[in-house]
C-alpha atoms as a PDB file:
ATOM      1  CA  MET A   1       4.027 300.262-128.081  1.00  0.00           C
ATOM      2  CA  SER A   2       1.632 303.170-127.451  1.00  0.00           C
ATOM      3  CA  SER A   3      -1.890 302.713-128.853  1.00  0.00           C
ATOM      4  CA  LYS A   4      -1.723 306.347-129.927  1.00  0.00           C
ATOM      5  CA  GLN A   5       0.666 305.577-132.840  1.00  0.00           C
ATOM      6  CA  PRO A   6       0.052 302.818-135.445  1.00  0.00           C
ATOM      7  CA  THR A   7       2.586 300.116-135.670  1.00  0.00           C
ATOM      8  CA  PRO A   8       5.005 300.996-138.563  1.00  0.00           C
ATOM      9  CA  LYS A   9       4.208 299.061-141.718  1.00  0.00           C
ATOM     10  CA  ASN A  10       7.525 297.261-141.871  1.00  0.00           C
ATOM     11  CA  HIS A  11       6.987 295.941-138.320  1.00  0.00           C
ATOM     12  CA  GLN A  12       3.526 294.698-139.390  1.00  0.00           C
ATOM     13  CA  LEU A  13       4.975 293.053-142.398  1.00  0.00           C
ATOM     14  CA  ILE A  14       7.712 291.337-140.463  1.00  0.00           C
ATOM     15  CA  THR A  15       5.219 290.157-137.846  1.00  0.00           C
ATOM     16  CA  GLN A  16       3.003 288.664-140.575  1.00  0.00           C
ATOM     17  CA  ARG A  17       5.920 287.007-142.235  1.00  0.00           C
ATOM     18  CA  TYR A  18       7.683 285.688-139.122  1.00  0.00           C
ATOM     19  CA  PRO A  19       5.091 285.514-136.357  1.00  0.00           C
ATOM     20  CA  ARG A  20       7.070 283.089-134.144  1.00  0.00           C
ATOM     21  CA  PHE A  21      10.208 285.241-134.418  1.00  0.00           C
ATOM     22  CA  MET A  22       8.386 288.349-133.468  1.00  0.00           C
ATOM     23  CA  ALA A  23       6.643 286.586-130.606  1.00  0.00           C
ATOM     24  CA  ALA A  24      10.085 285.592-129.297  1.00  0.00           C
ATOM     25  CA  VAL A  25      11.302 289.144-129.658  1.00  0.00           C
ATOM     26  CA  ASP A  26       8.245 290.445-127.709  1.00  0.00           C
ATOM     27  CA  ALA A  27       8.899 287.841-125.038  1.00  0.00           C
ATOM     28  CA  LEU A  28      12.468 288.964-124.716  1.00  0.00           C
ATOM     29  CA  GLY A  29      11.334 292.580-124.351  1.00  0.00           C
ATOM     30  CA  GLN A  30       9.018 291.421-121.499  1.00  0.00           C
ATOM     31  CA  ALA A  31      11.749 289.411-119.895  1.00  0.00           C
ATOM     32  CA  VAL A  32      13.954 292.372-119.934  1.00  0.00           C
ATOM     33  CA  ALA A  33      11.193 294.569-118.376  1.00  0.00           C
ATOM     34  CA  ASP A  34      10.700 291.959-115.649  1.00  0.00           C
ATOM     35  CA  ALA A  35      14.478 291.464-114.917  1.00  0.00           C
ATOM     36  CA  GLY A  36      14.993 294.516-112.742  1.00  0.00           C
ATOM     37  CA  PRO A  37      13.699 297.465-110.907  1.00  0.00           C
ATOM     38  CA  LEU A  38      13.922 300.254-113.584  1.00  0.00           C
ATOM     39  CA  PRO A  39      10.533 301.809-114.435  1.00  0.00           C
ATOM     40  CA  GLU A  40       9.322 301.680-118.016  1.00  0.00           C
ATOM     41  CA  LYS A  41      10.136 305.350-118.684  1.00  0.00           C
ATOM     42  CA  THR A  42      13.685 304.990-117.548  1.00  0.00           C
ATOM     43  CA  ARG A  43      14.138 301.718-119.538  1.00  0.00           C
ATOM     44  CA  HIS A  44      13.138 303.623-122.796  1.00  0.00           C
ATOM     45  CA  LEU A  45      15.390 306.484-122.033  1.00  0.00           C
ATOM     46  CA  VAL A  46      18.310 304.044-121.744  1.00  0.00           C
ATOM     47  CA  GLN A  47      17.159 302.415-124.953  1.00  0.00           C
ATOM     48  CA  ILE A  48      17.058 305.698-126.734  1.00  0.00           C
ATOM     49  CA  GLY A  49      20.606 306.368-125.688  1.00  0.00           C
ATOM     50  CA  ALA A  50      21.720 302.929-126.952  1.00  0.00           C
ATOM     51  CA  ALA A  51      19.814 303.431-130.208  1.00  0.00           C
ATOM     52  CA  ALA A  52      21.507 306.727-130.692  1.00  0.00           C
ATOM     53  CA  ALA A  53      24.910 305.059-130.198  1.00  0.00           C
ATOM     54  CA  ILE A  54      24.281 302.725-133.017  1.00  0.00           C
ATOM     55  CA  ARG A  55      22.595 305.335-135.257  1.00  0.00           C
ATOM     56  CA  SER A  56      19.400 303.404-135.407  1.00  0.00           C
ATOM     57  CA  GLU A  57      16.735 305.807-136.607  1.00  0.00           C
ATOM     58  CA  GLY A  58      13.939 303.360-136.297  1.00  0.00           C
ATOM     59  CA  ALA A  59      14.782 302.371-132.747  1.00  0.00           C
ATOM     60  CA  VAL A  60      15.096 306.042-131.663  1.00  0.00           C
ATOM     61  CA  HIS A  61      11.706 306.675-133.169  1.00  0.00           C
ATOM     62  CA  SER A  62      10.218 303.606-131.565  1.00  0.00           C
ATOM     63  CA  HIS A  63      11.592 304.244-128.119  1.00  0.00           C
ATOM     64  CA  THR A  64      10.774 307.881-128.301  1.00  0.00           C
ATOM     65  CA  ARG A  65       7.239 307.036-128.858  1.00  0.00           C
ATOM     66  CA  ARG A  66       7.350 304.486-126.037  1.00  0.00           C
ATOM     67  CA  ALA A  67       9.042 306.794-123.651  1.00  0.00           C
ATOM     68  CA  LEU A  68       6.411 309.454-124.276  1.00  0.00           C
ATOM     69  CA  ALA A  69       3.635 306.898-123.757  1.00  0.00           C
ATOM     70  CA  ALA A  70       5.453 305.989-120.406  1.00  0.00           C
ATOM     71  CA  GLY A  71       5.384 309.609-119.306  1.00  0.00           C
ATOM     72  CA  ALA A  72       8.675 311.027-120.369  1.00  0.00           C
ATOM     73  CA  THR A  73       8.810 314.614-121.548  1.00  0.00           C
ATOM     74  CA  PRO A  74      10.417 315.635-124.842  1.00  0.00           C
ATOM     75  CA  GLU A  75      13.081 317.409-122.733  1.00  0.00           C
ATOM     76  CA  GLU A  76      13.887 314.210-120.729  1.00  0.00           C
ATOM     77  CA  ILE A  77      14.191 312.326-123.998  1.00  0.00           C
ATOM     78  CA  GLN A  78      16.609 314.914-125.458  1.00  0.00           C
ATOM     79  CA  HIS A  79      18.592 314.985-122.240  1.00  0.00           C
ATOM     80  CA  ALA A  80      18.963 311.294-122.268  1.00  0.00           C
ATOM     81  CA  VAL A  81      20.761 311.603-125.699  1.00  0.00           C
ATOM     82  CA  ILE A  82      22.640 314.766-124.913  1.00  0.00           C
ATOM     83  CA  ALA A  83      24.043 313.142-121.759  1.00  0.00           C
ATOM     84  CA  ALA A  84      25.749 310.565-123.993  1.00  0.00           C
ATOM     85  CA  THR A  85      27.645 313.122-126.066  1.00  0.00           C
ATOM     86  CA  SER A  86      31.095 312.296-124.650  1.00  0.00           C
ATOM     87  CA  THR A  87      30.437 308.589-125.001  1.00  0.00           C
ATOM     88  CA  ILE A  88      28.770 308.345-128.433  1.00  0.00           C
ATOM     89  CA  GLY A  89      30.042 311.504-130.162  1.00  0.00           C
ATOM     90  CA  PHE A  90      28.396 314.761-131.335  1.00  0.00           C
ATOM     91  CA  PRO A  91      27.377 313.568-134.807  1.00  0.00           C
ATOM     92  CA  ASN A  92      25.441 310.631-133.330  1.00  0.00           C
ATOM     93  CA  VAL A  93      23.753 312.907-130.804  1.00  0.00           C
ATOM     94  CA  MET A  94      22.764 315.431-133.478  1.00  0.00           C
ATOM     95  CA  ALA A  95      21.288 312.664-135.673  1.00  0.00           C
ATOM     96  CA  ALA A  96      19.325 311.290-132.734  1.00  0.00           C
ATOM     97  CA  LEU A  97      18.011 314.596-131.688  1.00  0.00           C
ATOM     98  CA  SER A  98      16.592 315.156-135.241  1.00  0.00           C
ATOM     99  CA  TRP A  99      14.919 311.683-135.000  1.00  0.00           C
ATOM    100  CA  ILE A 100      13.459 312.586-131.697  1.00  0.00           C
ATOM    101  CA  ASP A 101      12.098 315.756-133.311  1.00  0.00           C
ATOM    102  CA  ASP A 102      10.450 313.555-136.014  1.00  0.00           C
ATOM    103  CA  VAL A 103       8.310 312.054-133.349  1.00  0.00           C
ATOM    104  CA  THR A 104       7.827 314.905-130.931  1.00  0.00           C
ATOM    105  CA  GLY A 105       7.013 317.312-133.696  1.00  0.00           C
ATOM    106  CA  ARG A 106       9.333 319.948-132.120  1.00  0.00           C
ATOM    107  CA  PRO A 107      10.458 322.572-134.737  1.00  0.00           C
ATOM    108  CA  ARG A 108      14.087 322.534-135.645  1.00  0.00           C
ATOM    109  CA  ARG A 109      15.940 325.692-135.368  1.00  0.00           C
ATOM    110  CA  THR A 110      17.958 326.601-138.432  1.00  0.00           C
ATOM    111  CA  GLN A 111      19.493 329.985-137.253  1.00  0.00           C
ATOM    112  CA  GLY A 112      20.809 331.121-133.956  1.00  0.00           C
ATOM    113  CA  GLY A 113      19.604 330.165-130.551  1.00  0.00           C
ATOM    114  CA  ASP A 114      20.099 326.703-128.967  1.00  0.00           C
ATOM    115  CA  ALA A 115      17.878 323.588-128.989  1.00  0.00           C
ATOM    116  CA  ASP A 116      16.200 324.354-125.744  1.00  0.00           C
ATOM    117  CA  GLY A 117      13.582 326.692-127.189  1.00  0.00           C
END
């Protein structure tokens, strides 16, 4: 995870409570990273799409932070989710976009216009 953001408190608690389990989860993440040619940024964009599909707010937050740290722009992150609309459904996309905004700090529009501004 990016050194710019502190590790969420729940993650810290679970790591303290179950250190071997979390070490195994970290090792799995490293094995996935080492398994193929996708660059880190692309892997996090894929994971954001998957997190959006299962409506996992925490995972969207986490992978948004990680994608930003790997060089993704907020627009790329949003596009990764919007591109999945026909697969995961409009409500899931809208929820994920709001969770991305939580991390990027982009203001949410409440009247008129589109989300590109």
